[in-house]
Every structure is written in structure tokens, then in C-alpha cells.
PDB file of N, CA and C in Angstrom:
ATOM      1  N   MET A   1      67.707 190.987  75.361  1.00  0.00           N
ATOM      2  CA  MET A   1      66.373 189.652  75.487  1.00  0.00           C
ATOM      3  C   MET A   1      64.792 190.146  74.749  1.00  0.00           C
ATOM      4  N   GLY A   2      64.867 191.029  74.626  1.00  0.00           N
ATOM      5  CA  GLY A   2      63.406 191.093  74.227  1.00  0.00           C
ATOM      6  C   GLY A   2      62.443 191.030  75.790  1.00  0.00           C
ATOM      7  N   ALA A   3      62.837 190.668  76.631  1.00  0.00           N
ATOM      8  CA  ALA A   3      62.249 190.159  77.604  1.00  0.00           C
ATOM      9  C   ALA A   3      61.226 191.276  78.841  1.00  0.00           C
ATOM     10  N   GLY A   4      62.090 192.832  78.714  1.00  0.00           N
ATOM     11  CA  GLY A   4      62.041 193.575  79.684  1.00  0.00           C
ATOM     12  C   GLY A   4      59.979 194.320  79.704  1.00  0.00           C
ATOM     13  N   ALA A   5      59.387 194.220  78.705  1.00  0.00           N
ATOM     14  CA  ALA A   5      57.912 194.475  78.965  1.00  0.00           C
ATOM     15  C   ALA A   5      57.465 192.806  79.966  1.00  0.00           C
ATOM     16  N   GLY A   6      57.718 192.134  79.306  1.00  0.00           N
ATOM     17  CA  GLY A   6      56.749 191.132  80.401  1.00  0.00           C
ATOM     18  C   GLY A   6      57.107 190.844  81.605  1.00  0.00           C
ATOM     19  N   MET A   7      58.605 191.295  81.731  1.00  0.00           N
ATOM     20  CA  MET A   7      59.199 191.287  82.876  1.00  0.00           C
ATOM     21  C   MET A   7      58.150 192.304  84.024  1.00  0.00           C
ATOM     22  N   ALA A   8      57.937 193.255  82.883  1.00  0.00           N
ATOM     23  CA  ALA A   8      57.710 194.454  84.113  1.00  0.00           C
ATOM     24  C   ALA A   8      56.206 193.946  84.034  1.00  0.00           C
ATOM     25  N   ILE A   9      55.153 193.135  83.668  1.00  0.00           N
ATOM     26  CA  ILE A   9      54.089 192.490  83.622  1.00  0.00           C
ATOM     27  C   ILE A   9      53.853 191.671  84.695  1.00  0.00           C
ATOM     28  N   GLU A  10      55.337 190.998  85.110  1.00  0.00           N
ATOM     29  CA  GLU A  10      55.460 189.890  85.992  1.00  0.00           C
ATOM     30  C   GLU A  10      55.629 190.711  87.722  1.00  0.00           C
ATOM     31  N   ASP A  11      56.465 191.839  87.095  1.00  0.00           N
ATOM     32  CA  ASP A  11      56.345 192.675  88.723  1.00  0.00           C
ATOM     33  C   ASP A  11      55.397 193.338  88.659  1.00  0.00           C
ATOM     34  N   SER A  12      54.252 193.924  87.862  1.00  0.00           N
ATOM     35  CA  SER A  12      52.630 194.702  88.235  1.00  0.00           C
ATOM     36  C   SER A  12      51.943 193.433  88.508  1.00  0.00           C
ATOM     37  N   LEU A  13      52.143 192.103  88.638  1.00  0.00           N
ATOM     38  CA  LEU A  13      50.979 191.255  89.467  1.00  0.00           C
ATOM     39  C   LEU A  13      51.812 190.678  90.766  1.00  0.00           C
ATOM     40  N   VAL A  14      52.828 190.537  90.408  1.00  0.00           N
ATOM     41  CA  VAL A  14      53.276 190.157  92.077  1.00  0.00           C
ATOM     42  C   VAL A  14      52.932 191.047  93.135  1.00  0.00           C
ATOM     43  N   MET A  15      53.570 192.632  92.285  1.00  0.00           N
ATOM     44  CA  MET A  15      53.041 193.852  93.273  1.00  0.00           C
ATOM     45  C   MET A  15      51.501 194.145  93.406  1.00  0.00           C
ATOM     46  N   ALA A  16      50.663 194.487  92.207  1.00  0.00           N
ATOM     47  CA  ALA A  16      49.375 194.357  92.832  1.00  0.00           C
ATOM     48  C   ALA A  16      49.306 192.838  93.667  1.00  0.00           C
ATOM     49  N   ASN A  17      49.672 191.694  93.776  1.00  0.00           N
ATOM     50  CA  ASN A  17      48.891 190.698  94.983  1.00  0.00           C
ATOM     51  C   ASN A  17      49.507 191.397  96.330  1.00  0.00           C
ATOM     52  N   VAL A  18      51.056 191.936  96.816  1.00  0.00           N
ATOM     53  CA  VAL A  18      51.647 192.280  97.675  1.00  0.00           C
ATOM     54  C   VAL A  18      50.598 193.497  98.089  1.00  0.00           C
ATOM     55  N   MET A  19      50.596 194.401  97.522  1.00  0.00           N
ATOM     56  CA  MET A  19      49.556 195.590  97.752  1.00  0.00           C
ATOM     57  C   MET A  19      48.165 194.976  98.661  1.00  0.00           C
ATOM     58  N   GLY A  20      47.652 194.088  97.501  1.00  0.00           N
ATOM     59  CA  GLY A  20      45.951 193.921  98.200  1.00  0.00           C
ATOM     60  C   GLY A  20      45.882 192.739  99.485  1.00  0.00           C
ATOM     61  N   GLN A  21      47.551 193.075 100.281  1.00  0.00           N
ATOM     62  CA  GLN A  21      47.381 192.600 101.333  1.00  0.00           C
ATOM     63  C   GLN A  21      47.572 193.799 102.255  1.00  0.00           C
ATOM     64  N   VAL A  22      47.647 195.040 101.766  1.00  0.00           N
ATOM     65  CA  VAL A  22      48.052 195.995 103.220  1.00  0.00           C
ATOM     66  C   VAL A  22      46.640 196.624 103.352  1.00  0.00           C
ATOM     67  N   TYR A  23      46.454 196.625 104.461  1.00  0.00           N
ATOM     68  CA  TYR A  23      45.580 197.936 105.015  1.00  0.00           C
ATOM     69  C   TYR A  23      45.310 199.065 105.755  1.00  0.00           C
ATOM     70  N   ASP A  24      46.851 199.210 105.314  1.00  0.00           N
ATOM     71  CA  ASP A  24      47.792 200.419 106.914  1.00  0.00           C
ATOM     72  C   ASP A  24      48.471 201.197 105.433  1.00  0.00           C
ATOM     73  N   SER A  25      48.098 202.554 105.687  1.00  0.00           N
ATOM     74  CA  SER A  25      49.565 203.199 104.725  1.00  0.00           C
ATOM     75  C   SER A  25      50.716 202.734 105.133  1.00  0.00           C
ATOM     76  N   ALA A  26      50.977 202.539 106.739  1.00  0.00           N
ATOM     77  CA  ALA A  26      52.506 202.701 107.382  1.00  0.00           C
ATOM     78  C   ALA A  26      52.739 201.188 107.043  1.00  0.00           C
ATOM     79  N   ASP A  27      52.210 200.214 106.518  1.00  0.00           N
ATOM     80  CA  ASP A  27      52.686 198.845 105.793  1.00  0.00           C
ATOM     81  C   ASP A  27      53.217 198.744 104.043  1.00  0.00           C
ATOM     82  N   ILE A  28      52.653 200.428 103.463  1.00  0.00           N
ATOM     83  CA  ILE A  28      53.463 200.004 102.394  1.00  0.00           C
ATOM     84  C   ILE A  28      55.067 199.671 102.005  1.00  0.00           C
ATOM     85  N   PRO A  29      55.634 200.282 102.799  1.00  0.00           N
ATOM     86  CA  PRO A  29      57.033 200.457 102.830  1.00  0.00           C
ATOM     87  C   PRO A  29      57.500 198.978 103.094  1.00  0.00           C
ATOM     88  N   ARG A  30      56.927 198.129 104.087  1.00  0.00           N
ATOM     89  CA  ARG A  30      57.112 196.452 103.851  1.00  0.00           C
ATOM     90  C   ARG A  30      56.477 195.908 102.818  1.00  0.00           C
ATOM     91  N   ALA A  31      55.493 195.868 102.065  1.00  0.00           N
ATOM     92  CA  ALA A  31      55.012 195.836 100.740  1.00  0.00           C
ATOM     93  C   ALA A  31      56.097 196.008 100.017  1.00  0.00           C
ATOM     94  N   PHE A  32      56.654 196.784  99.882  1.00  0.00           N
ATOM     95  CA  PHE A  32      57.713 197.148  98.604  1.00  0.00           C
ATOM     96  C   PHE A  32      59.074 196.529  98.741  1.00  0.00           C
ATOM     97  N   ARG A  33      59.123 196.487  99.950  1.00  0.00           N
ATOM     98  CA  ARG A  33      60.703 194.979 100.393  1.00  0.00           C
ATOM     99  C   ARG A  33      60.128 194.124 100.283  1.00  0.00           C
ATOM    100  N   ALA A  34      58.632 193.804 100.314  1.00  0.00           N
ATOM    101  CA  ALA A  34      58.751 192.125 100.139  1.00  0.00           C
ATOM    102  C   ALA A  34      58.479 191.980  98.620  1.00  0.00           C
ATOM    103  N   TYR A  35      58.213 192.725  98.049  1.00  0.00           N
ATOM    104  CA  TYR A  35      58.143 192.802  96.462  1.00  0.00           C
ATOM    105  C   TYR A  35      59.536 193.047  95.746  1.00  0.00           C
ATOM    106  N   ASP A  36      60.782 193.907  96.437  1.00  0.00           N
ATOM    107  CA  ASP A  36      61.971 193.843  95.849  1.00  0.00           C
ATOM    108  C   ASP A  36      62.740 192.734  96.540  1.00  0.00           C
ATOM    109  N   THR A  37      62.744 192.042  97.687  1.00  0.00           N
ATOM    110  CA  THR A  37      62.813 190.983  97.695  1.00  0.00           C
ATOM    111  C   THR A  37      62.750 189.712  97.011  1.00  0.00           C
ATOM    112  N   ILE A  38      61.796 189.397  96.327  1.00  0.00           N
ATOM    113  CA  ILE A  38      61.374 188.554  95.531  1.00  0.00           C
ATOM    114  C   ILE A  38      61.924 189.101  94.009  1.00  0.00           C
ATOM    115  N   ARG A  39      61.254 190.201  93.953  1.00  0.00           N
ATOM    116  CA  ARG A  39      61.760 190.346  92.549  1.00  0.00           C
ATOM    117  C   ARG A  39      63.005 190.645  92.138  1.00  0.00           C
ATOM    118  N   ARG A  40      63.650 191.702  92.968  1.00  0.00           N
ATOM    119  CA  ARG A  40      65.066 192.163  92.324  1.00  0.00           C
ATOM    120  C   ARG A  40      65.987 191.184  91.327  1.00  0.00           C
ATOM    121  N   PRO A  41      66.247 189.754  92.188  1.00  0.00           N
ATOM    122  CA  PRO A  41      67.041 189.123  91.719  1.00  0.00           C
ATOM    123  C   PRO A  41      66.617 188.687  90.256  1.00  0.00           C
ATOM    124  N   ARG A  42      65.405 188.556  89.855  1.00  0.00           N
ATOM    125  CA  ARG A  42      65.370 188.260  88.570  1.00  0.00           C
ATOM    126  C   ARG A  42      65.244 189.181  87.857  1.00  0.00           C
ATOM    127  N   SER A  43      65.416 190.333  87.929  1.00  0.00           N
ATOM    128  CA  SER A  43      65.662 191.421  87.451  1.00  0.00           C
ATOM    129  C   SER A  43      66.497 191.725  87.111  1.00  0.00           C
ATOM    130  N   GLN A  44      67.148 191.721  87.939  1.00  0.00           N
ATOM    131  CA  GLN A  44      68.872 191.950  87.837  1.00  0.00           C
ATOM    132  C   GLN A  44      70.046 191.159  86.813  1.00  0.00           C
ATOM    133  N   LYS A  45      69.071 189.678  86.720  1.00  0.00           N
ATOM    134  CA  LYS A  45      69.472 188.569  85.965  1.00  0.00           C
ATOM    135  C   LYS A  45      69.123 189.116  84.602  1.00  0.00           C
ATOM    136  N   LEU A  46      67.805 189.694  84.455  1.00  0.00           N
ATOM    137  CA  LEU A  46      67.732 190.125  82.934  1.00  0.00           C
ATOM    138  C   LEU A  46      68.510 191.199  82.655  1.00  0.00           C
ATOM    139  N   VAL A  47      68.859 192.011  83.472  1.00  0.00           N
ATOM    140  CA  VAL A  47      69.754 193.276  82.859  1.00  0.00           C
ATOM    141  C   VAL A  47      71.169 192.701  82.465  1.00  0.00           C
ATOM    142  N   ALA A  48      71.582 191.669  83.655  1.00  0.00           N
ATOM    143  CA  ALA A  48      72.641 190.807  82.796  1.00  0.00           C
ATOM    144  C   ALA A  48      73.102 190.349  81.752  1.00  0.00           C
ATOM    145  N   THR A  49      72.062 189.046  81.473  1.00  0.00           N
ATOM    146  CA  THR A  49      71.971 188.773  80.725  1.00  0.00           C
ATOM    147  C   THR A  49      71.585 188.860  79.244  1.00  0.00           C
ATOM    148  N   SER A  50      71.253 190.509  79.487  1.00  0.00           N
ATOM    149  CA  SER A  50      70.489 191.255  78.085  1.00  0.00           C
ATOM    150  C   SER A  50      71.959 191.183  77.396  1.00  0.00           C
ATOM    151  N   ARG A  51      73.250 191.852  77.911  1.00  0.00           N
ATOM    152  CA  ARG A  51      74.063 192.177  77.867  1.00  0.00           C
ATOM    153  C   ARG A  51      74.564 191.182  76.565  1.00  0.00           C
ATOM    154  N   GLU A  52      74.810 190.113  77.730  1.00  0.00           N
ATOM    155  CA  GLU A  52      75.018 189.016  77.096  1.00  0.00           C
ATOM    156  C   GLU A  52      74.978 188.410  75.751  1.00  0.00           C
ATOM    157  N   HIS A  53      73.222 188.764  75.517  1.00  0.00           N
ATOM    158  CA  HIS A  53      72.706 188.034  74.317  1.00  0.00           C
ATOM    159  C   HIS A  53      72.574 189.292  73.397  1.00  0.00           C
ATOM    160  N   GLY A  54      72.628 190.156  73.564  1.00  0.00           N
ATOM    161  CA  GLY A  54      73.632 190.821  72.634  1.00  0.00           C
ATOM    162  C   GLY A  54      74.524 190.640  71.906  1.00  0.00           C
ATOM    163  N   LEU A  55      75.546 190.280  72.742  1.00  0.00           N
ATOM    164  CA  LEU A  55      77.181 189.834  72.356  1.00  0.00           C
ATOM    165  C   LEU A  55      76.838 188.165  71.517  1.00  0.00           C
ATOM    166  N   LEU A  56      76.284 187.812  72.284  1.00  0.00           N
ATOM    167  CA  LEU A  56      75.557 186.193  71.913  1.00  0.00           C
ATOM    168  C   LEU A  56      75.027 186.584  70.149  1.00  0.00           C
ATOM    169  N   TYR A  57      74.457 187.445  69.852  1.00  0.00           N
ATOM    170  CA  TYR A  57      73.693 187.767  68.595  1.00  0.00           C
ATOM    171  C   TYR A  57      74.744 188.221  67.479  1.00  0.00           C
ATOM    172  N   ASP A  58      75.771 189.181  68.475  1.00  0.00           N
ATOM    173  CA  ASP A  58      76.951 189.804  67.153  1.00  0.00           C
ATOM    174  C   ASP A  58      77.511 188.842  66.752  1.00  0.00           C
ATOM    175  N   MET A  59      77.408 187.311  66.880  1.00  0.00           N
ATOM    176  CA  MET A  59      78.590 186.382  67.370  1.00  0.00           C
ATOM    177  C   MET A  59      80.162 186.828  67.991  1.00  0.00           C
ATOM    178  N   GLN A  60      79.684 187.927  68.917  1.00  0.00           N
ATOM    179  CA  GLN A  60      80.777 187.971  70.032  1.00  0.00           C
ATOM    180  C   GLN A  60      81.346 187.213  71.060  1.00  0.00           C
ATOM    181  N   LEU A  61      80.015 186.494  71.947  1.00  0.00           N
ATOM    182  CA  LEU A  61      80.299 186.123  72.975  1.00  0.00           C
ATOM    183  C   LEU A  61      81.088 185.332  72.958  1.00  0.00           C
ATOM    184  N   PRO A  62      82.481 185.135  73.781  1.00  0.00           N
ATOM    185  CA  PRO A  62      83.390 184.852  74.416  1.00  0.00           C
ATOM    186  C   PRO A  62      83.264 182.929  74.538  1.00  0.00           C
ATOM    187  N   GLY A  63      83.521 182.087  74.119  1.00  0.00           N
ATOM    188  CA  GLY A  63      83.298 180.497  74.312  1.00  0.00           C
ATOM    189  C   GLY A  63      82.271 180.027  73.330  1.00  0.00           C
ATOM    190  N   VAL A  64      81.722 181.091  72.247  1.00  0.00           N
ATOM    191  CA  VAL A  64      80.520 180.588  71.388  1.00  0.00           C
ATOM    192  C   VAL A  64      80.923 181.052  69.942  1.00  0.00           C
ATOM    193  N   GLY A  65      81.348 182.800  69.893  1.00  0.00           N
ATOM    194  CA  GLY A  65      81.457 182.957  69.087  1.00  0.00           C
ATOM    195  C   GLY A  65      80.581 183.209  67.629  1.00  0.00           C
ATOM    196  N   ASP A  66      81.270 182.210  66.548  1.00  0.00           N
ATOM    197  CA  ASP A  66      80.322 182.584  65.466  1.00  0.00           C
ATOM    198  C   ASP A  66      79.666 180.804  65.468  1.00  0.00           C
ATOM    199  N   ASP A  67      80.124 179.847  66.223  1.00  0.00           N
ATOM    200  CA  ASP A  67      79.596 178.528  65.512  1.00  0.00           C
ATOM    201  C   ASP A  67      77.942 178.245  66.150  1.00  0.00           C
ATOM    202  N   ILE A  68      77.865 178.267  64.995  1.00  0.00           N
ATOM    203  CA  ILE A  68      75.842 178.404  64.760  1.00  0.00           C
ATOM    204  C   ILE A  68      75.365 177.241  66.301  1.00  0.00           C
ATOM    205  N   ASP A  69      75.963 176.375  66.098  1.00  0.00           N
ATOM    206  CA  ASP A  69      75.753 174.991  67.367  1.00  0.00           C
ATOM    207  C   ASP A  69      75.661 175.605  68.397  1.00  0.00           C
ATOM    208  N   LEU A  70      76.513 176.363  68.753  1.00  0.00           N
ATOM    209  CA  LEU A  70      76.335 176.872  70.215  1.00  0.00           C
ATOM    210  C   LEU A  70      75.889 177.735  70.189  1.00  0.00           C
ATOM    211  N   ILE A  71      75.699 178.797  69.573  1.00  0.00           N
ATOM    212  CA  ILE A  71      74.574 179.780  69.387  1.00  0.00           C
ATOM    213  C   ILE A  71      72.968 179.016  70.047  1.00  0.00           C
ATOM    214  N   ARG A  72      72.717 178.001  68.952  1.00  0.00           N
ATOM    215  CA  ARG A  72      71.235 177.616  69.833  1.00  0.00           C
ATOM    216  C   ARG A  72      71.393 177.378  70.572  1.00  0.00           C
ATOM    217  N   GLU A  73      72.608 176.337  71.078  1.00  0.00           N
ATOM    218  CA  GLU A  73      72.541 176.006  72.519  1.00  0.00           C
ATOM    219  C   GLU A  73      72.446 176.763  73.376  1.00  0.00           C
ATOM    220  N   ASP A  74      73.241 178.285  72.962  1.00  0.00           N
ATOM    221  CA  ASP A  74      73.146 179.195  74.726  1.00  0.00           C
ATOM    222  C   ASP A  74      71.561 179.294  74.502  1.00  0.00           C
ATOM    223  N   LEU A  75      70.787 180.026  73.282  1.00  0.00           N
ATOM    224  CA  LEU A  75      69.697 180.418  73.350  1.00  0.00           C
ATOM    225  C   LEU A  75      68.481 179.594  73.677  1.00  0.00           C
ATOM    226  N   GLN A  76      69.104 178.235  73.577  1.00  0.00           N
ATOM    227  CA  GLN A  76      67.865 177.467  74.083  1.00  0.00           C
ATOM    228  C   GLN A  76      68.048 177.693  75.819  1.00  0.00           C
ATOM    229  N   LYS A  77      68.742 177.184  75.928  1.00  0.00           N
ATOM    230  CA  LYS A  77      69.275 177.179  77.558  1.00  0.00           C
ATOM    231  C   LYS A  77      68.985 178.466  78.612  1.00  0.00           C
ATOM    232  N   ARG A  78      69.397 179.747  77.485  1.00  0.00           N
ATOM    233  CA  ARG A  78      69.510 181.167  77.950  1.00  0.00           C
ATOM    234  C   ARG A  78      67.924 181.532  78.217  1.00  0.00           C
ATOM    235  N   LEU A  79      66.930 181.433  77.147  1.00  0.00           N
ATOM    236  CA  LEU A  79      65.429 181.790  77.651  1.00  0.00           C
ATOM    237  C   LEU A  79      64.884 180.782  78.706  1.00  0.00           C
ATOM    238  N   LYS A  80      64.824 179.651  78.251  1.00  0.00           N
ATOM    239  CA  LYS A  80      64.277 178.642  79.300  1.00  0.00           C
ATOM    240  C   LYS A  80      63.612 179.472  80.874  1.00  0.00           C
ATOM    241  N   TRP A  81      64.677 180.291  81.734  1.00  0.00           N
ATOM    242  CA  TRP A  81      64.635 180.816  82.865  1.00  0.00           C
ATOM    243  C   TRP A  81      63.251 182.050  82.413  1.00  0.00           C
ATOM    244  N   VAL A  82      64.048 182.650  81.647  1.00  0.00           N
ATOM    245  CA  VAL A  82      62.738 183.662  81.858  1.00  0.00           C
ATOM    246  C   VAL A  82      61.076 183.273  81.226  1.00  0.00           C
ATOM    247  N   TRP A  83      60.949 181.960  80.215  1.00  0.00           N
ATOM    248  CA  TRP A  83      59.605 181.513  79.731  1.00  0.00           C
ATOM    249  C   TRP A  83      59.133 180.772  80.461  1.00  0.00           C
ATOM    250  N   ASN A  84      60.374 180.319  81.712  1.00  0.00           N
ATOM    251  CA  ASN A  84      59.248 179.080  82.647  1.00  0.00           C
ATOM    252  C   ASN A  84      59.141 179.497  83.960  1.00  0.00           C
ATOM    253  N   ALA A  85      58.993 180.793  84.424  1.00  0.00           N
ATOM    254  CA  ALA A  85      58.940 181.731  85.606  1.00  0.00           C
ATOM    255  C   ALA A  85      57.287 181.013  86.490  1.00  0.00           C
ATOM    256  N   ASP A  86      57.644 180.552  87.589  1.00  0.00           N
ATOM    257  CA  ASP A  86      56.346 180.089  88.261  1.00  0.00           C
ATOM    258  C   ASP A  86      55.845 181.317  89.098  1.00  0.00           C
ATOM    259  N   LEU A  87      54.945 182.097  88.112  1.00  0.00           N
ATOM    260  CA  LEU A  87      54.572 183.472  88.982  1.00  0.00           C
ATOM    261  C   LEU A  87      53.880 183.386  90.051  1.00  0.00           C
ATOM    262  N   GLU A  88      53.101 181.906  89.947  1.00  0.00           N
ATOM    263  CA  GLU A  88      51.921 182.031  91.525  1.00  0.00           C
ATOM    264  C   GLU A  88      53.114 181.821  92.060  1.00  0.00           C
ATOM    265  N   ALA A  89      54.475 181.142  92.415  1.00  0.00           N
ATOM    266  CA  ALA A  89      55.573 180.680  93.118  1.00  0.00           C
ATOM    267  C   ALA A  89      55.948 182.276  93.710  1.00  0.00           C
ATOM    268  N   HIS A  90      55.802 183.353  92.707  1.00  0.00           N
ATOM    269  CA  HIS A  90      56.826 184.544  93.162  1.00  0.00           C
ATOM    270  C   HIS A  90      55.404 185.045  94.078  1.00  0.00           C
ATOM    271  N   VAL A  91      54.335 185.184  93.666  1.00  0.00           N
ATOM    272  CA  VAL A  91      53.208 185.952  94.198  1.00  0.00           C
ATOM    273  C   VAL A  91      53.201 185.002  95.590  1.00  0.00           C
ATOM    274  N   ASP A  92      53.130 184.116  95.932  1.00  0.00           N
ATOM    275  CA  ASP A  92      53.272 183.481  97.041  1.00  0.00           C
ATOM    276  C   ASP A  92      54.332 183.982  98.313  1.00  0.00           C
ATOM    277  N   SER A  93      55.821 183.915  97.353  1.00  0.00           N
ATOM    278  CA  SER A  93      56.516 183.684  98.440  1.00  0.00           C
ATOM    279  C   SER A  93      56.840 185.243  98.975  1.00  0.00           C
ATOM    280  N   ALA A  94      56.439 186.428  97.759  1.00  0.00           N
ATOM    281  CA  ALA A  94      56.033 188.059  98.154  1.00  0.00           C
ATOM    282  C   ALA A  94      55.330 187.856  99.031  1.00  0.00           C
ATOM    283  N   ILE A  95      54.167 187.695  99.557  1.00  0.00           N
ATOM    284  CA  ILE A  95      52.932 187.719 100.212  1.00  0.00           C
ATOM    285  C   ILE A  95      53.278 186.978 101.997  1.00  0.00           C
ATOM    286  N   LYS A  96      54.483 186.197 101.648  1.00  0.00           N
ATOM    287  CA  LYS A  96      55.216 185.283 102.608  1.00  0.00           C
ATOM    288  C   LYS A  96      55.424 186.075 103.086  1.00  0.00           C
ATOM    289  N   VAL A  97      56.670 186.789 102.573  1.00  0.00           N
ATOM    290  CA  VAL A  97      57.530 187.582 103.160  1.00  0.00           C
ATOM    291  C   VAL A  97      57.164 188.701 103.156  1.00  0.00           C
ATOM    292  N   TYR A  98      56.238 189.600 102.914  1.00  0.00           N
ATOM    293  CA  TYR A  98      55.246 190.950 103.464  1.00  0.00           C
ATOM    294  C   TYR A  98      54.821 190.478 104.898  1.00  0.00           C
ATOM    295  N   HIS A  99      54.217 189.574 105.362  1.00  0.00           N
ATOM    296  CA  HIS A  99      53.562 188.409 106.544  1.00  0.00           C
ATOM    297  C   HIS A  99      54.521 188.018 107.605  1.00  0.00           C
ATOM    298  N   GLY A 100      55.761 188.062 106.833  1.00  0.00           N
ATOM    299  CA  GLY A 100      56.839 187.286 107.738  1.00  0.00           C
ATOM    300  C   GLY A 100      56.986 185.920 108.048  1.00  0.00           C
ATOM    301  N   THR A 101      56.560 185.382 107.125  1.00  0.00           N
ATOM    302  CA  THR A 101      55.965 183.939 107.104  1.00  0.00           C
ATOM    303  C   THR A 101      57.362 183.367 106.352  1.00  0.00           C
ATOM    304  N   GLU A 102      58.488 183.879 105.484  1.00  0.00           N
ATOM    305  CA  GLU A 102      59.102 183.039 105.109  1.00  0.00           C
ATOM    306  C   GLU A 102      60.304 183.369 105.678  1.00  0.00           C
ATOM    307  N   ASP A 103      61.059 182.472 106.390  1.00  0.00           N
ATOM    308  CA  ASP A 103      62.203 183.061 106.833  1.00  0.00           C
ATOM    309  C   ASP A 103      63.553 183.133 105.934  1.00  0.00           C
ATOM    310  N   ASP A 104      63.424 182.627 104.101  1.00  0.00           N
ATOM    311  CA  ASP A 104      64.541 182.180 103.508  1.00  0.00           C
ATOM    312  C   ASP A 104      63.732 182.074 102.671  1.00  0.00           C
ATOM    313  N   PRO A 105      63.315 183.040 101.479  1.00  0.00           N
ATOM    314  CA  PRO A 105      62.626 183.584 100.285  1.00  0.00           C
ATOM    315  C   PRO A 105      63.519 182.684  99.644  1.00  0.00           C
ATOM    316  N   LYS A 106      62.772 182.368  98.430  1.00  0.00           N
ATOM    317  CA  LYS A 106      62.896 181.450  97.411  1.00  0.00           C
ATOM    318  C   LYS A 106      63.962 182.863  96.107  1.00  0.00           C
ATOM    319  N   LEU A 107      65.121 182.431  95.956  1.00  0.00           N
ATOM    320  CA  LEU A 107      65.389 183.489  94.713  1.00  0.00           C
ATOM    321  C   LEU A 107      64.801 182.749  93.350  1.00  0.00           C
ATOM    322  N   PHE A 108      64.308 183.216  92.302  1.00  0.00           N
ATOM    323  CA  PHE A 108      63.604 183.114  91.396  1.00  0.00           C
ATOM    324  C   PHE A 108      64.421 183.305  90.464  1.00  0.00           C
ATOM    325  N   LEU A 109      65.695 182.801  89.998  1.00  0.00           N
ATOM    326  CA  LEU A 109      66.767 183.050  88.745  1.00  0.00           C
ATOM    327  C   LEU A 109      66.464 182.584  87.847  1.00  0.00           C
TER     328      LEU A 109
END
């Protein structure tokens, strides 16, 4: 999908903000767990949908094939979740997970 570099920048933003909450080296693993809790679902969705995206461009995606209208519709829907991420919410949620104040973190898919 061509979004890997952008996703890495998003990851850096979240990780930097969570690490900014760490004042004791013993808390670093907790910071990584908080980051992973919030970011892994989004990054794994990117991996899964990237394969489908390639099939779409090759006009081999099941249910879409070479139908240009269906390809256009799929692309608009497929890319919206990548483009419209609320990164401030990702940061806020990761910090809350780190501090243990968010019991049910949002999944940003």
C-alpha cells in the first residue's frame, strides 16, 4: 500500500510520547507493552491489507477482478483508514495504557 514509511513515523510519534512518561529504566518494558497494545493491531492490518492491495492492482482480487468501478470503490474504502488516523488519540490511549488508567484500550483499525 506504500504506507510503511508513514506507519513508521506514526509508530515513532507514539513511542516517543510513551517513553517521555518513563522516569525509571525498570518501566521501559511497560512502555513497550503500552505501545504494542495500541499500535500492533493497526500495523498488522496494514500487513494483511497490503497483500490484498497488490491483488487489487493486479486485477486479481476476488470479487473485484478487473471491474474498474469496483477497483475505484475498493481503493477509496481501503485507504481511508490509513489516511484518517487520529494520532493524538493513539498517543493519549498509549499513555493511559502505560499508566494503567485505560482498562479497555481502543483498537485503531
